[in-house]
Amino acid sequence: MARFKIVTRKDCEFCKKLKEWLAANKVDYEEIDYHDEALNAIIEKDEDFSTRFCDMSACVDSTPIIIKDDKNYYYGEIWDFQTGTLREEKAKRIFEV
């Protein structure tokens, strides 16, 4: 079974929508607040994360970021940004539901 970490922010509407979808689909995950030291630990030890989400000045502040099994990262793939809705089929594939 896959393990998930979700990087979120308190003021993130997409984070709220994703967490509601995860709860409705009974997906277990660990939530990491964007400002939490746990995220800094991931950034420091995981070059793939740093390469994908950080540049010389800072790391991406758009959330949610989905981390699957500590090696696969998803960011905007599950969203239709024009409508602000979750792309259900993509989410189901990522979260294996």
N, C-alpha and C. Protein backbone atom coordinates (compact mmCIF):
# COMPACT_ATOMS: atom_id res chain seq x y z
N MET A 1 0.85 -1.18 0.00
CA MET A 1 0.00 0.00 0.00
C MET A 1 0.89 1.25 0.00
N ALA A 2 0.55 2.19 -0.82
CA ALA A 2 1.32 3.42 -0.93
C ALA A 2 1.16 4.28 0.32
N ARG A 3 2.20 5.06 0.60
CA ARG A 3 2.17 6.01 1.71
C ARG A 3 2.18 7.42 1.12
N PHE A 4 1.40 8.30 1.72
CA PHE A 4 1.26 9.65 1.19
C PHE A 4 1.58 10.69 2.24
N LYS A 5 2.26 11.74 1.79
CA LYS A 5 2.45 12.95 2.57
C LYS A 5 1.88 14.08 1.72
N ILE A 6 1.16 14.99 2.36
CA ILE A 6 0.57 16.11 1.64
C ILE A 6 1.09 17.39 2.28
N VAL A 7 1.77 18.21 1.48
CA VAL A 7 2.26 19.50 1.96
C VAL A 7 1.14 20.50 1.75
N THR A 8 0.73 21.14 2.85
CA THR A 8 -0.43 22.04 2.81
C THR A 8 -0.10 23.39 3.44
N ARG A 9 -1.01 24.32 3.25
CA ARG A 9 -0.97 25.64 3.91
C ARG A 9 -2.35 25.90 4.48
N LYS A 10 -2.39 26.62 5.55
CA LYS A 10 -3.66 26.92 6.21
C LYS A 10 -4.62 27.70 5.31
N ASP A 11 -4.12 28.60 4.48
CA ASP A 11 -4.96 29.46 3.65
C ASP A 11 -5.17 28.93 2.23
N CYS A 12 -4.94 27.64 2.03
CA CYS A 12 -4.97 27.04 0.69
C CYS A 12 -6.32 26.36 0.43
N GLU A 13 -7.08 26.91 -0.50
CA GLU A 13 -8.38 26.35 -0.84
C GLU A 13 -8.25 24.98 -1.51
N PHE A 14 -7.23 24.80 -2.35
CA PHE A 14 -7.01 23.51 -2.99
C PHE A 14 -6.65 22.45 -1.94
N CYS A 15 -5.91 22.84 -0.91
CA CYS A 15 -5.57 21.90 0.17
C CYS A 15 -6.83 21.43 0.87
N LYS A 16 -7.71 22.36 1.14
CA LYS A 16 -8.97 22.02 1.81
C LYS A 16 -9.78 21.04 0.94
N LYS A 17 -9.89 21.33 -0.34
CA LYS A 17 -10.63 20.45 -1.25
C LYS A 17 -10.00 19.07 -1.32
N LEU A 18 -8.67 19.02 -1.38
CA LEU A 18 -8.00 17.73 -1.45
C LEU A 18 -8.21 16.93 -0.17
N LYS A 19 -8.08 17.57 0.97
CA LYS A 19 -8.27 16.86 2.24
C LYS A 19 -9.70 16.34 2.37
N GLU A 20 -10.67 17.09 1.91
CA GLU A 20 -12.06 16.61 1.92
C GLU A 20 -12.21 15.39 1.02
N TRP A 21 -11.60 15.43 -0.17
CA TRP A 21 -11.67 14.31 -1.09
C TRP A 21 -10.97 13.08 -0.50
N LEU A 22 -9.82 13.29 0.11
CA LEU A 22 -9.09 12.18 0.73
C LEU A 22 -9.91 11.54 1.86
N ALA A 23 -10.55 12.36 2.67
CA ALA A 23 -11.39 11.84 3.76
C ALA A 23 -12.57 11.05 3.19
N ALA A 24 -13.22 11.58 2.16
CA ALA A 24 -14.37 10.90 1.55
C ALA A 24 -13.97 9.57 0.93
N ASN A 25 -12.71 9.47 0.47
CA ASN A 25 -12.23 8.25 -0.16
C ASN A 25 -11.38 7.39 0.78
N LYS A 26 -11.37 7.77 2.06
CA LYS A 26 -10.68 7.00 3.11
C LYS A 26 -9.21 6.74 2.79
N VAL A 27 -8.53 7.79 2.35
CA VAL A 27 -7.11 7.70 2.05
C VAL A 27 -6.34 8.22 3.26
N ASP A 28 -5.44 7.38 3.78
CA ASP A 28 -4.58 7.80 4.89
C ASP A 28 -3.41 8.60 4.34
N TYR A 29 -3.03 9.63 5.07
CA TYR A 29 -1.91 10.46 4.66
C TYR A 29 -1.37 11.20 5.87
N GLU A 30 -0.14 11.66 5.73
CA GLU A 30 0.48 12.52 6.74
C GLU A 30 0.45 13.93 6.18
N GLU A 31 -0.07 14.85 6.95
CA GLU A 31 -0.11 16.25 6.52
C GLU A 31 1.11 16.98 7.05
N ILE A 32 1.76 17.72 6.18
CA ILE A 32 2.91 18.53 6.56
C ILE A 32 2.60 19.97 6.20
N ASP A 33 2.57 20.82 7.19
CA ASP A 33 2.33 22.25 6.93
C ASP A 33 3.56 22.83 6.23
N TYR A 34 3.31 23.70 5.27
CA TYR A 34 4.37 24.32 4.48
C TYR A 34 5.42 24.98 5.36
N HIS A 35 5.03 25.48 6.52
CA HIS A 35 5.96 26.18 7.41
C HIS A 35 6.56 25.28 8.47
N ASP A 36 6.28 23.99 8.42
CA ASP A 36 6.75 23.05 9.42
C ASP A 36 8.20 22.63 9.15
N GLU A 37 8.92 22.39 10.22
CA GLU A 37 10.31 21.93 10.09
C GLU A 37 10.40 20.60 9.35
N ALA A 38 9.35 19.79 9.39
CA ALA A 38 9.37 18.50 8.69
C ALA A 38 9.58 18.71 7.19
N LEU A 39 9.05 19.78 6.64
CA LEU A 39 9.25 20.06 5.21
C LEU A 39 10.70 20.42 4.96
N ASN A 40 11.30 21.17 5.85
CA ASN A 40 12.71 21.51 5.69
C ASN A 40 13.57 20.25 5.66
N ALA A 41 13.24 19.27 6.47
CA ALA A 41 13.99 18.01 6.49
C ALA A 41 13.86 17.29 5.15
N ILE A 42 12.67 17.30 4.57
CA ILE A 42 12.47 16.68 3.26
C ILE A 42 13.30 17.41 2.21
N ILE A 43 13.25 18.72 2.23
CA ILE A 43 13.98 19.52 1.24
C ILE A 43 15.48 19.27 1.35
N GLU A 44 16.00 19.19 2.58
CA GLU A 44 17.43 19.01 2.77
C GLU A 44 17.92 17.63 2.33
N LYS A 45 17.11 16.59 2.56
CA LYS A 45 17.59 15.24 2.26
C LYS A 45 17.17 14.72 0.89
N ASP A 46 16.22 15.37 0.24
CA ASP A 46 15.69 14.84 -1.00
C ASP A 46 15.98 15.78 -2.17
N GLU A 47 17.01 15.44 -2.92
CA GLU A 47 17.43 16.28 -4.04
C GLU A 47 16.35 16.37 -5.12
N ASP A 48 15.59 15.30 -5.34
CA ASP A 48 14.52 15.33 -6.33
C ASP A 48 13.47 16.37 -5.98
N PHE A 49 13.08 16.42 -4.70
CA PHE A 49 12.11 17.42 -4.26
C PHE A 49 12.67 18.81 -4.49
N SER A 50 13.89 19.03 -4.04
CA SER A 50 14.52 20.34 -4.18
C SER A 50 14.62 20.77 -5.63
N THR A 51 15.01 19.85 -6.49
CA THR A 51 15.15 20.16 -7.91
C THR A 51 13.82 20.55 -8.53
N ARG A 52 12.77 19.85 -8.16
CA ARG A 52 11.46 20.10 -8.78
C ARG A 52 10.75 21.32 -8.21
N PHE A 53 10.89 21.57 -6.90
CA PHE A 53 10.06 22.60 -6.26
C PHE A 53 10.82 23.81 -5.73
N CYS A 54 12.14 23.83 -5.85
CA CYS A 54 12.91 24.95 -5.30
C CYS A 54 13.80 25.57 -6.37
N ASP A 55 14.08 26.85 -6.18
CA ASP A 55 15.08 27.50 -7.02
C ASP A 55 16.08 28.18 -6.08
N MET A 56 16.88 29.08 -6.58
CA MET A 56 17.92 29.68 -5.75
C MET A 56 17.36 30.58 -4.64
N SER A 57 16.17 31.10 -4.82
CA SER A 57 15.64 32.04 -3.84
C SER A 57 14.72 31.40 -2.81
N ALA A 58 13.98 30.38 -3.20
CA ALA A 58 13.02 29.77 -2.27
C ALA A 58 12.42 28.53 -2.91
N CYS A 59 11.59 27.86 -2.12
CA CYS A 59 10.85 26.72 -2.64
C CYS A 59 9.44 27.16 -2.98
N VAL A 60 8.81 26.41 -3.87
CA VAL A 60 7.47 26.75 -4.33
C VAL A 60 6.53 26.90 -3.13
N ASP A 61 5.69 27.91 -3.18
CA ASP A 61 4.76 28.10 -2.07
C ASP A 61 3.33 27.75 -2.46
N SER A 62 3.16 27.21 -3.66
CA SER A 62 1.84 26.76 -4.07
C SER A 62 1.62 25.34 -3.55
N THR A 63 0.47 25.11 -3.03
CA THR A 63 0.16 23.82 -2.43
C THR A 63 -1.23 23.39 -2.88
N PRO A 64 -1.57 22.15 -2.72
CA PRO A 64 -0.87 21.07 -2.04
C PRO A 64 0.15 20.37 -2.94
N ILE A 65 1.16 19.83 -2.31
CA ILE A 65 2.13 18.98 -2.98
C ILE A 65 1.91 17.58 -2.43
N ILE A 66 1.75 16.62 -3.30
CA ILE A 66 1.54 15.23 -2.90
C ILE A 66 2.86 14.48 -3.04
N ILE A 67 3.25 13.80 -1.97
CA ILE A 67 4.45 12.98 -2.00
C ILE A 67 4.00 11.53 -1.80
N LYS A 68 4.26 10.72 -2.79
CA LYS A 68 3.84 9.31 -2.74
C LYS A 68 5.07 8.43 -2.55
N ASP A 69 5.05 7.66 -1.47
CA ASP A 69 6.14 6.72 -1.16
C ASP A 69 7.51 7.40 -1.10
N ASP A 70 7.55 8.64 -0.69
CA ASP A 70 8.79 9.39 -0.53
C ASP A 70 9.61 9.52 -1.81
N LYS A 71 8.99 9.28 -2.98
CA LYS A 71 9.77 9.38 -4.21
C LYS A 71 9.02 9.93 -5.41
N ASN A 72 7.70 9.92 -5.37
CA ASN A 72 6.92 10.45 -6.49
C ASN A 72 6.19 11.71 -6.02
N TYR A 73 6.26 12.75 -6.85
CA TYR A 73 5.70 14.04 -6.48
C TYR A 73 4.63 14.46 -7.48
N TYR A 74 3.55 15.01 -6.94
CA TYR A 74 2.46 15.52 -7.78
C TYR A 74 2.10 16.90 -7.26
N TYR A 75 1.84 17.78 -8.20
CA TYR A 75 1.56 19.15 -7.80
C TYR A 75 0.27 19.63 -8.45
N GLY A 76 0.28 19.95 -9.69
CA GLY A 76 -0.92 20.48 -10.33
C GLY A 76 -1.68 19.49 -11.18
N GLU A 77 -1.15 18.28 -11.29
CA GLU A 77 -1.73 17.29 -12.20
C GLU A 77 -3.19 16.96 -11.92
N ILE A 78 -3.61 17.05 -10.68
CA ILE A 78 -4.97 16.62 -10.34
C ILE A 78 -5.99 17.75 -10.35
N TRP A 79 -5.57 18.93 -10.79
CA TRP A 79 -6.47 20.09 -10.74
C TRP A 79 -6.81 20.62 -12.12
N ASP A 80 -8.05 21.01 -12.27
CA ASP A 80 -8.47 21.81 -13.42
C ASP A 80 -8.48 23.24 -12.89
N PHE A 81 -7.44 23.98 -13.18
CA PHE A 81 -7.29 25.32 -12.60
C PHE A 81 -8.30 26.32 -13.15
N GLN A 82 -8.85 26.06 -14.32
CA GLN A 82 -9.86 26.98 -14.86
C GLN A 82 -11.15 26.92 -14.04
N THR A 83 -11.50 25.72 -13.59
CA THR A 83 -12.75 25.58 -12.82
C THR A 83 -12.50 25.44 -11.33
N GLY A 84 -11.23 25.19 -10.95
CA GLY A 84 -10.91 25.02 -9.53
C GLY A 84 -11.37 23.68 -8.97
N THR A 85 -11.55 22.70 -9.86
CA THR A 85 -12.04 21.41 -9.40
C THR A 85 -10.96 20.33 -9.51
N LEU A 86 -11.17 19.31 -8.73
CA LEU A 86 -10.28 18.16 -8.72
C LEU A 86 -10.55 17.29 -9.94
N ARG A 87 -9.51 16.84 -10.59
CA ARG A 87 -9.65 15.89 -11.69
C ARG A 87 -9.71 14.49 -11.06
N GLU A 88 -10.91 14.05 -10.86
CA GLU A 88 -11.19 12.84 -10.09
C GLU A 88 -10.44 11.61 -10.60
N GLU A 89 -10.43 11.38 -11.89
CA GLU A 89 -9.78 10.18 -12.43
C GLU A 89 -8.27 10.19 -12.17
N LYS A 90 -7.65 11.35 -12.33
CA LYS A 90 -6.21 11.45 -12.04
C LYS A 90 -5.95 11.23 -10.57
N ALA A 91 -6.78 11.81 -9.72
CA ALA A 91 -6.61 11.63 -8.27
C ALA A 91 -6.78 10.17 -7.89
N LYS A 92 -7.75 9.51 -8.48
CA LYS A 92 -7.97 8.10 -8.17
C LYS A 92 -6.75 7.25 -8.55
N ARG A 93 -6.14 7.57 -9.69
CA ARG A 93 -4.95 6.81 -10.10
C ARG A 93 -3.79 7.05 -9.13
N ILE A 94 -3.57 8.29 -8.76
CA ILE A 94 -2.45 8.62 -7.87
C ILE A 94 -2.66 7.96 -6.51
N PHE A 95 -3.89 8.09 -5.97
CA PHE A 95 -4.16 7.60 -4.62
C PHE A 95 -4.66 6.16 -4.58
N GLU A 96 -4.71 5.53 -5.77
CA GLU A 96 -5.04 4.10 -5.87
C GLU A 96 -6.38 3.75 -5.22
N VAL A 97 -7.40 4.56 -5.54
CA VAL A 97 -8.76 4.27 -5.03
C VAL A 97 -9.70 4.01 -6.18
